[in-house]
């Protein structure tokens, strides 16, 4: 009458490799798609306490788009650990710096659960600022996030 609910075990998990070209994609929309892929929520066999998500490779992270005036106004904060040691950087400063891929990494990381499982799932994400990546041996399939929804892609 009804289907049987199954719990995926760690040994039964099949992880695929997916590559996403981030050129012209909106950061938050890209991050939600990636976070759901890393968690495994796109699969029918989703189990909340098991890492059954895919391995995700993001290329061209330096060509992402922030909507509105976020490039100038959005601030990223961190604390040095000393008294009064709060530091801030604008999104523009980070995008023009040495590691522009950190904006995508932080957006995805903050959409994943906190704790050991979330850290394990975040480890399945690889972000590169250029167009090439060293994971050709895994033969990743291409996921076109821009085609999923018209709002996902913006011209710079």
N, C-alpha and C. Protein backbone atom coordinates (compact mmCIF):
# COMPACT_ATOMS: atom_id res chain seq x y z
N UNK A 1 0.82 -1.18 0.00
CA UNK A 1 0.00 0.00 0.00
C UNK A 1 0.87 1.26 0.00
N UNK A 2 1.72 1.38 0.99
CA UNK A 2 2.61 2.53 1.05
C UNK A 2 4.03 2.08 0.81
N UNK A 3 4.86 3.01 0.31
CA UNK A 3 6.27 2.69 0.10
C UNK A 3 7.01 2.63 1.42
N UNK A 4 8.07 1.87 1.43
CA UNK A 4 8.86 1.72 2.65
C UNK A 4 9.92 2.81 2.72
N UNK A 5 10.02 3.47 3.86
CA UNK A 5 11.04 4.49 4.05
C UNK A 5 12.39 3.81 4.29
N UNK A 6 13.39 4.25 3.53
CA UNK A 6 14.70 3.63 3.69
C UNK A 6 15.69 4.65 4.26
N UNK A 7 16.64 4.17 5.01
CA UNK A 7 17.72 4.98 5.55
C UNK A 7 18.99 4.60 4.82
N UNK A 8 19.62 5.54 4.17
CA UNK A 8 20.86 5.27 3.46
C UNK A 8 21.99 5.09 4.46
N UNK A 9 22.78 4.05 4.24
CA UNK A 9 23.96 3.84 5.09
C UNK A 9 25.17 4.44 4.38
N UNK A 10 26.19 4.75 5.14
CA UNK A 10 27.38 5.39 4.59
C UNK A 10 28.02 4.54 3.50
N UNK A 11 28.00 3.22 3.65
CA UNK A 11 28.62 2.33 2.67
C UNK A 11 27.83 2.28 1.35
N UNK A 12 26.54 2.63 1.40
CA UNK A 12 25.69 2.54 0.21
C UNK A 12 25.68 3.82 -0.62
N UNK A 13 26.34 4.87 -0.14
CA UNK A 13 26.28 6.17 -0.79
C UNK A 13 27.06 6.16 -2.10
N UNK A 14 26.43 6.68 -3.16
CA UNK A 14 27.11 6.87 -4.45
C UNK A 14 27.29 8.36 -4.66
N UNK A 15 28.55 8.80 -4.64
CA UNK A 15 28.85 10.22 -4.82
C UNK A 15 29.25 10.48 -6.26
N UNK A 16 28.59 11.48 -6.87
CA UNK A 16 28.95 11.90 -8.21
C UNK A 16 29.80 13.16 -8.12
N UNK A 17 30.46 13.50 -9.20
CA UNK A 17 31.22 14.73 -9.30
C UNK A 17 30.50 15.66 -10.24
N UNK A 18 30.32 16.92 -9.82
CA UNK A 18 29.61 17.91 -10.60
C UNK A 18 30.48 19.15 -10.71
N UNK A 19 30.57 19.71 -11.93
CA UNK A 19 31.31 20.96 -12.11
C UNK A 19 30.33 22.07 -12.50
N UNK A 20 30.50 23.25 -11.87
CA UNK A 20 29.62 24.39 -12.11
C UNK A 20 30.48 25.57 -12.53
N UNK A 21 30.11 26.21 -13.65
CA UNK A 21 30.78 27.42 -14.09
C UNK A 21 30.05 28.62 -13.47
N UNK A 22 30.74 29.34 -12.58
CA UNK A 22 30.10 30.41 -11.82
C UNK A 22 30.11 31.76 -12.53
N UNK A 23 30.61 31.82 -13.75
CA UNK A 23 30.70 33.10 -14.46
C UNK A 23 29.31 33.69 -14.68
N UNK A 24 29.07 34.88 -14.14
CA UNK A 24 27.79 35.57 -14.32
C UNK A 24 26.67 35.09 -13.43
N UNK A 25 26.94 34.18 -12.50
CA UNK A 25 25.89 33.68 -11.61
C UNK A 25 25.81 34.53 -10.34
N UNK A 26 24.59 34.67 -9.81
CA UNK A 26 24.36 35.41 -8.58
C UNK A 26 24.82 34.54 -7.40
N UNK A 27 25.56 35.13 -6.48
CA UNK A 27 26.22 34.37 -5.41
C UNK A 27 25.25 33.56 -4.56
N UNK A 28 24.22 34.20 -4.02
CA UNK A 28 23.30 33.51 -3.12
C UNK A 28 22.55 32.38 -3.80
N UNK A 29 22.15 32.59 -5.03
CA UNK A 29 21.41 31.56 -5.77
C UNK A 29 22.31 30.38 -6.10
N UNK A 30 23.56 30.67 -6.45
CA UNK A 30 24.53 29.60 -6.68
C UNK A 30 24.77 28.84 -5.39
N UNK A 31 24.91 29.54 -4.28
CA UNK A 31 25.21 28.91 -3.00
C UNK A 31 24.10 27.97 -2.55
N UNK A 32 22.83 28.33 -2.80
CA UNK A 32 21.74 27.45 -2.38
C UNK A 32 21.74 26.16 -3.18
N UNK A 33 21.99 26.26 -4.48
CA UNK A 33 22.05 25.06 -5.32
C UNK A 33 23.19 24.16 -4.87
N UNK A 34 24.35 24.77 -4.62
CA UNK A 34 25.53 24.00 -4.21
C UNK A 34 25.33 23.36 -2.84
N UNK A 35 24.75 24.12 -1.89
CA UNK A 35 24.53 23.59 -0.54
C UNK A 35 23.58 22.39 -0.58
N UNK A 36 22.54 22.47 -1.39
CA UNK A 36 21.61 21.34 -1.52
C UNK A 36 22.30 20.14 -2.15
N UNK A 37 23.18 20.36 -3.12
CA UNK A 37 23.94 19.27 -3.74
C UNK A 37 24.88 18.63 -2.74
N UNK A 38 25.57 19.45 -1.94
CA UNK A 38 26.51 18.92 -0.95
C UNK A 38 25.80 18.11 0.12
N UNK A 39 24.62 18.54 0.51
CA UNK A 39 23.85 17.82 1.53
C UNK A 39 23.21 16.55 0.97
N UNK A 40 22.93 16.52 -0.34
CA UNK A 40 22.29 15.36 -0.94
C UNK A 40 20.78 15.49 -1.00
N UNK A 41 20.25 16.70 -0.83
CA UNK A 41 18.82 16.91 -0.81
C UNK A 41 18.18 16.73 -2.18
N UNK A 42 18.98 16.70 -3.25
CA UNK A 42 18.43 16.51 -4.59
C UNK A 42 18.16 15.03 -4.87
N UNK A 43 18.57 14.14 -3.98
CA UNK A 43 18.39 12.70 -4.18
C UNK A 43 17.14 12.21 -3.44
N UNK A 44 16.54 11.18 -3.99
CA UNK A 44 15.39 10.57 -3.32
C UNK A 44 15.83 9.81 -2.08
N UNK A 45 17.10 9.44 -2.03
CA UNK A 45 17.62 8.67 -0.89
C UNK A 45 18.21 9.57 0.19
N UNK A 46 17.78 10.84 0.27
CA UNK A 46 18.33 11.78 1.24
C UNK A 46 18.11 11.28 2.66
N UNK A 47 19.19 11.24 3.42
CA UNK A 47 19.13 10.90 4.84
C UNK A 47 19.84 12.01 5.61
N UNK A 48 19.15 12.65 6.56
CA UNK A 48 19.72 13.85 7.20
C UNK A 48 21.03 13.64 7.94
N UNK A 49 21.27 12.45 8.49
CA UNK A 49 22.46 12.23 9.31
C UNK A 49 23.60 11.55 8.57
N UNK A 50 23.48 11.42 7.23
CA UNK A 50 24.52 10.76 6.42
C UNK A 50 25.00 11.73 5.35
N UNK A 51 26.29 11.73 5.10
CA UNK A 51 26.87 12.55 4.03
C UNK A 51 26.66 11.82 2.71
N UNK A 52 25.51 12.05 2.06
CA UNK A 52 25.26 11.38 0.78
C UNK A 52 25.15 12.39 -0.36
N UNK A 53 25.77 13.56 -0.21
CA UNK A 53 25.78 14.57 -1.26
C UNK A 53 26.87 14.31 -2.28
N UNK A 54 26.89 15.14 -3.31
CA UNK A 54 27.87 15.02 -4.38
C UNK A 54 29.12 15.84 -4.08
N UNK A 55 30.18 15.58 -4.83
CA UNK A 55 31.37 16.42 -4.80
C UNK A 55 31.15 17.52 -5.84
N UNK A 56 31.31 18.78 -5.44
CA UNK A 56 31.01 19.91 -6.30
C UNK A 56 32.29 20.70 -6.57
N UNK A 57 32.53 20.98 -7.85
CA UNK A 57 33.66 21.80 -8.27
C UNK A 57 33.08 23.08 -8.87
N UNK A 58 33.54 24.23 -8.36
CA UNK A 58 33.09 25.50 -8.91
C UNK A 58 34.29 26.18 -9.55
N UNK A 59 34.15 26.54 -10.83
CA UNK A 59 35.21 27.24 -11.55
C UNK A 59 34.75 28.66 -11.87
N UNK A 60 35.69 29.54 -12.18
CA UNK A 60 35.43 30.95 -12.49
C UNK A 60 34.76 31.68 -11.32
N UNK A 61 35.21 31.41 -10.10
CA UNK A 61 34.61 32.03 -8.92
C UNK A 61 34.85 33.54 -8.88
N UNK A 62 35.86 34.02 -9.59
CA UNK A 62 36.13 35.45 -9.60
C UNK A 62 35.14 36.23 -10.46
N UNK A 63 34.35 35.52 -11.27
CA UNK A 63 33.40 36.17 -12.17
C UNK A 63 31.96 36.11 -11.67
N UNK A 64 31.77 35.88 -10.37
CA UNK A 64 30.43 35.84 -9.81
C UNK A 64 29.86 37.25 -9.75
N UNK A 65 28.54 37.35 -9.55
CA UNK A 65 27.86 38.64 -9.56
C UNK A 65 27.14 38.82 -8.23
N UNK A 66 27.27 40.01 -7.65
CA UNK A 66 26.49 40.40 -6.49
C UNK A 66 25.46 41.41 -6.97
N UNK A 67 24.20 41.24 -6.59
CA UNK A 67 23.13 42.11 -7.08
C UNK A 67 23.09 43.40 -6.27
N UNK A 68 22.45 44.39 -6.83
CA UNK A 68 22.28 45.67 -6.15
C UNK A 68 23.61 46.35 -5.91
N UNK A 69 23.75 46.97 -4.74
CA UNK A 69 24.99 47.67 -4.38
C UNK A 69 25.80 46.87 -3.38
N UNK A 70 25.60 45.54 -3.36
CA UNK A 70 26.29 44.69 -2.40
C UNK A 70 27.79 44.68 -2.59
N UNK A 71 28.27 44.90 -3.81
CA UNK A 71 29.71 44.89 -4.05
C UNK A 71 30.40 45.92 -3.16
N UNK A 72 29.78 47.09 -3.01
CA UNK A 72 30.37 48.15 -2.19
C UNK A 72 29.91 48.08 -0.73
N UNK A 73 28.66 47.68 -0.50
CA UNK A 73 28.08 47.79 0.83
C UNK A 73 28.22 46.55 1.70
N UNK A 74 28.31 45.35 1.09
CA UNK A 74 28.37 44.13 1.88
C UNK A 74 29.72 44.02 2.58
N UNK A 75 29.68 43.77 3.87
CA UNK A 75 30.90 43.66 4.67
C UNK A 75 31.03 42.24 5.22
N UNK A 76 32.25 41.76 5.24
CA UNK A 76 32.59 40.48 5.86
C UNK A 76 33.41 40.77 7.11
N UNK A 77 32.99 40.22 8.23
CA UNK A 77 33.63 40.50 9.51
C UNK A 77 34.37 39.27 10.02
N UNK A 78 35.49 39.51 10.71
CA UNK A 78 36.16 38.45 11.47
C UNK A 78 36.81 39.09 12.69
N UNK A 79 37.09 38.27 13.67
CA UNK A 79 37.65 38.78 14.92
C UNK A 79 39.03 38.19 15.12
N UNK A 80 39.97 39.04 15.55
CA UNK A 80 41.35 38.60 15.71
C UNK A 80 41.55 37.79 16.98
N UNK A 81 40.64 37.94 17.94
CA UNK A 81 40.79 37.28 19.22
C UNK A 81 41.27 38.23 20.30
N UNK A 82 41.71 39.41 19.91
CA UNK A 82 42.13 40.42 20.88
C UNK A 82 40.96 41.36 21.18
N UNK A 83 41.06 42.10 22.27
CA UNK A 83 40.01 43.02 22.66
C UNK A 83 39.86 44.09 21.58
N UNK A 84 38.64 44.32 21.15
CA UNK A 84 38.37 45.31 20.11
C UNK A 84 38.93 44.91 18.76
N UNK A 85 39.13 43.63 18.55
CA UNK A 85 39.79 43.16 17.33
C UNK A 85 38.86 42.76 16.21
N UNK A 86 37.71 43.42 16.08
CA UNK A 86 36.80 43.11 14.97
C UNK A 86 37.33 43.79 13.71
N UNK A 87 37.42 43.02 12.64
CA UNK A 87 37.92 43.55 11.37
C UNK A 87 36.82 43.39 10.33
N UNK A 88 36.80 44.28 9.36
CA UNK A 88 35.80 44.18 8.29
C UNK A 88 36.47 44.41 6.94
N UNK A 89 35.92 43.72 5.96
CA UNK A 89 36.36 43.88 4.57
C UNK A 89 35.13 43.94 3.70
N UNK A 90 35.17 44.76 2.66
CA UNK A 90 34.03 44.84 1.74
C UNK A 90 34.14 43.69 0.73
N UNK A 91 33.03 43.38 0.10
CA UNK A 91 33.01 42.33 -0.91
C UNK A 91 33.90 42.72 -2.09
N UNK A 92 33.95 44.00 -2.42
CA UNK A 92 34.78 44.48 -3.51
C UNK A 92 36.26 44.24 -3.21
N UNK A 93 36.68 44.47 -1.97
CA UNK A 93 38.06 44.26 -1.55
C UNK A 93 38.44 42.78 -1.71
N UNK A 94 37.54 41.88 -1.32
CA UNK A 94 37.82 40.44 -1.41
C UNK A 94 37.84 39.98 -2.86
N UNK A 95 36.88 40.46 -3.67
CA UNK A 95 36.83 40.05 -5.08
C UNK A 95 38.05 40.51 -5.86
N UNK A 96 38.61 41.67 -5.50
CA UNK A 96 39.79 42.18 -6.20
C UNK A 96 41.08 41.66 -5.58
N UNK A 97 40.98 40.90 -4.48
CA UNK A 97 42.17 40.42 -3.78
C UNK A 97 42.68 39.10 -4.33
N UNK A 98 43.51 38.44 -3.53
CA UNK A 98 44.16 37.20 -3.97
C UNK A 98 43.22 36.00 -3.99
N UNK A 99 42.21 35.99 -3.11
CA UNK A 99 41.34 34.82 -2.98
C UNK A 99 39.87 35.18 -3.16
N UNK A 100 39.44 35.52 -4.39
CA UNK A 100 38.04 35.89 -4.60
C UNK A 100 37.08 34.72 -4.41
N UNK A 101 37.62 33.49 -4.43
CA UNK A 101 36.76 32.32 -4.25
C UNK A 101 36.20 32.21 -2.83
N UNK A 102 36.74 32.96 -1.89
CA UNK A 102 36.28 32.88 -0.50
C UNK A 102 34.85 33.40 -0.33
N UNK A 103 34.41 34.28 -1.22
CA UNK A 103 33.02 34.76 -1.13
C UNK A 103 32.06 33.61 -1.39
N UNK A 104 32.35 32.81 -2.39
CA UNK A 104 31.49 31.65 -2.69
C UNK A 104 31.60 30.62 -1.58
N UNK A 105 32.82 30.37 -1.10
CA UNK A 105 33.01 29.38 -0.04
C UNK A 105 32.22 29.76 1.21
N UNK A 106 32.30 31.02 1.63
CA UNK A 106 31.60 31.46 2.84
C UNK A 106 30.09 31.41 2.66
N UNK A 107 29.61 31.77 1.47
CA UNK A 107 28.17 31.73 1.22
C UNK A 107 27.64 30.30 1.35
N UNK A 108 28.39 29.33 0.80
CA UNK A 108 27.97 27.93 0.87
C UNK A 108 28.13 27.41 2.30
N UNK A 109 29.26 27.71 2.93
CA UNK A 109 29.53 27.21 4.27
C UNK A 109 28.46 27.64 5.27
N UNK A 110 27.96 28.86 5.12
CA UNK A 110 26.96 29.36 6.05
C UNK A 110 25.57 28.82 5.77
N UNK A 111 25.39 28.10 4.65
CA UNK A 111 24.11 27.45 4.36
C UNK A 111 24.11 25.98 4.77
N UNK A 112 25.27 25.47 5.16
CA UNK A 112 25.37 24.09 5.61
C UNK A 112 25.19 24.03 7.13
N UNK A 113 24.78 22.86 7.66
CA UNK A 113 24.61 22.77 9.11
C UNK A 113 25.95 22.88 9.84
N UNK A 114 25.91 23.44 11.05
CA UNK A 114 27.11 23.51 11.86
C UNK A 114 27.32 22.15 12.53
N UNK A 115 28.57 21.76 12.71
CA UNK A 115 28.86 20.49 13.37
C UNK A 115 29.70 19.60 12.49
N UNK A 116 30.00 18.40 12.98
CA UNK A 116 30.89 17.48 12.26
C UNK A 116 30.38 17.10 10.87
N UNK A 117 29.08 16.85 10.72
CA UNK A 117 28.54 16.45 9.43
C UNK A 117 28.63 17.60 8.43
N UNK A 118 28.31 18.81 8.86
CA UNK A 118 28.40 19.98 7.99
C UNK A 118 29.82 20.23 7.53
N UNK A 119 30.78 20.04 8.42
CA UNK A 119 32.19 20.23 8.05
C UNK A 119 32.63 19.16 7.05
N UNK A 120 32.14 17.94 7.23
CA UNK A 120 32.46 16.87 6.29
C UNK A 120 31.87 17.15 4.91
N UNK A 121 30.64 17.65 4.88
CA UNK A 121 29.99 17.97 3.61
C UNK A 121 30.67 19.16 2.94
N UNK A 122 31.10 20.14 3.71
CA UNK A 122 31.81 21.29 3.15
C UNK A 122 33.14 20.87 2.53
N UNK A 123 33.72 19.81 3.04
CA UNK A 123 34.97 19.28 2.48
C UNK A 123 34.82 18.73 1.08
N UNK A 124 33.58 18.49 0.65
CA UNK A 124 33.32 17.98 -0.70
C UNK A 124 33.18 19.10 -1.73
N UNK A 125 33.46 20.33 -1.32
CA UNK A 125 33.39 21.49 -2.21
C UNK A 125 34.79 21.94 -2.59
N UNK A 126 35.01 22.14 -3.89
CA UNK A 126 36.27 22.69 -4.37
C UNK A 126 35.95 23.92 -5.21
N UNK A 127 36.58 25.04 -4.88
CA UNK A 127 36.31 26.30 -5.58
C UNK A 127 37.61 26.81 -6.17
N UNK A 128 37.58 27.17 -7.46
CA UNK A 128 38.76 27.68 -8.16
C UNK A 128 38.39 29.00 -8.82
N UNK A 129 39.33 29.97 -8.75
CA UNK A 129 39.03 31.28 -9.32
C UNK A 129 39.14 31.29 -10.82
N UNK A 130 39.94 30.41 -11.40
CA UNK A 130 40.10 30.36 -12.85
C UNK A 130 39.17 29.34 -13.49
N UNK A 131 39.37 29.13 -14.78
CA UNK A 131 38.49 28.23 -15.54
C UNK A 131 38.95 26.77 -15.49
N UNK A 132 40.16 26.49 -15.02
CA UNK A 132 40.65 25.11 -15.03
C UNK A 132 40.66 24.54 -13.61
N UNK A 133 40.55 23.21 -13.54
CA UNK A 133 40.57 22.51 -12.25
C UNK A 133 41.31 21.18 -12.43
N UNK A 134 41.91 20.64 -11.35
CA UNK A 134 42.71 19.42 -11.45
C UNK A 134 41.91 18.13 -11.26
N UNK A 135 40.59 18.16 -11.45
CA UNK A 135 39.76 16.99 -11.16
C UNK A 135 39.20 16.34 -12.42
N UNK A 136 39.93 16.44 -13.53
CA UNK A 136 39.45 15.85 -14.78
C UNK A 136 39.39 14.33 -14.69
N UNK A 137 40.22 13.73 -13.86
CA UNK A 137 40.25 12.27 -13.74
C UNK A 137 38.95 11.72 -13.15
N UNK A 138 38.22 12.54 -12.40
CA UNK A 138 36.95 12.10 -11.82
C UNK A 138 35.81 12.19 -12.83
N UNK A 139 36.08 12.70 -14.01
CA UNK A 139 35.11 12.91 -15.09
C UNK A 139 33.80 13.52 -14.56
N UNK A 140 33.87 14.77 -14.08
CA UNK A 140 32.66 15.39 -13.53
C UNK A 140 31.68 15.78 -14.63
N UNK A 141 30.40 15.71 -14.31
CA UNK A 141 29.39 16.14 -15.26
C UNK A 141 29.08 17.62 -15.01
N UNK A 142 28.71 18.32 -16.07
CA UNK A 142 28.49 19.76 -15.99
C UNK A 142 27.05 20.03 -15.55
N UNK A 143 26.90 20.93 -14.56
CA UNK A 143 25.59 21.34 -14.10
C UNK A 143 25.42 22.82 -14.46
N UNK A 144 24.45 23.13 -15.31
CA UNK A 144 24.22 24.51 -15.74
C UNK A 144 23.22 25.17 -14.80
N UNK A 145 23.73 25.86 -13.79
CA UNK A 145 22.88 26.50 -12.79
C UNK A 145 22.13 27.68 -13.41
N UNK A 146 22.73 28.36 -14.38
CA UNK A 146 22.08 29.49 -15.02
C UNK A 146 20.81 29.11 -15.75
N UNK A 147 20.74 27.87 -16.24
CA UNK A 147 19.56 27.42 -16.98
C UNK A 147 18.44 26.95 -16.05
N UNK A 148 18.72 26.73 -14.77
CA UNK A 148 17.69 26.25 -13.85
C UNK A 148 16.63 27.32 -13.60
N UNK A 149 17.05 28.58 -13.53
CA UNK A 149 16.14 29.70 -13.28
C UNK A 149 16.73 30.94 -13.94
N UNK A 150 15.90 31.75 -14.57
CA UNK A 150 16.38 32.94 -15.26
C UNK A 150 17.04 33.94 -14.31
N UNK A 151 16.63 33.93 -13.03
CA UNK A 151 17.18 34.87 -12.06
C UNK A 151 18.57 34.47 -11.58
N UNK A 152 19.00 33.25 -11.87
CA UNK A 152 20.31 32.79 -11.42
C UNK A 152 21.47 33.49 -12.13
N UNK A 153 21.22 33.99 -13.33
CA UNK A 153 22.29 34.56 -14.14
C UNK A 153 22.06 36.06 -14.31
N UNK A 154 23.12 36.83 -14.18
CA UNK A 154 23.08 38.28 -14.38
C UNK A 154 24.25 38.67 -15.25
N UNK A 155 24.05 39.68 -16.06
CA UNK A 155 25.19 40.22 -16.79
C UNK A 155 25.85 41.27 -15.93
N UNK A 156 27.17 41.26 -15.91
CA UNK A 156 27.91 42.14 -15.00
C UNK A 156 27.81 43.60 -15.40
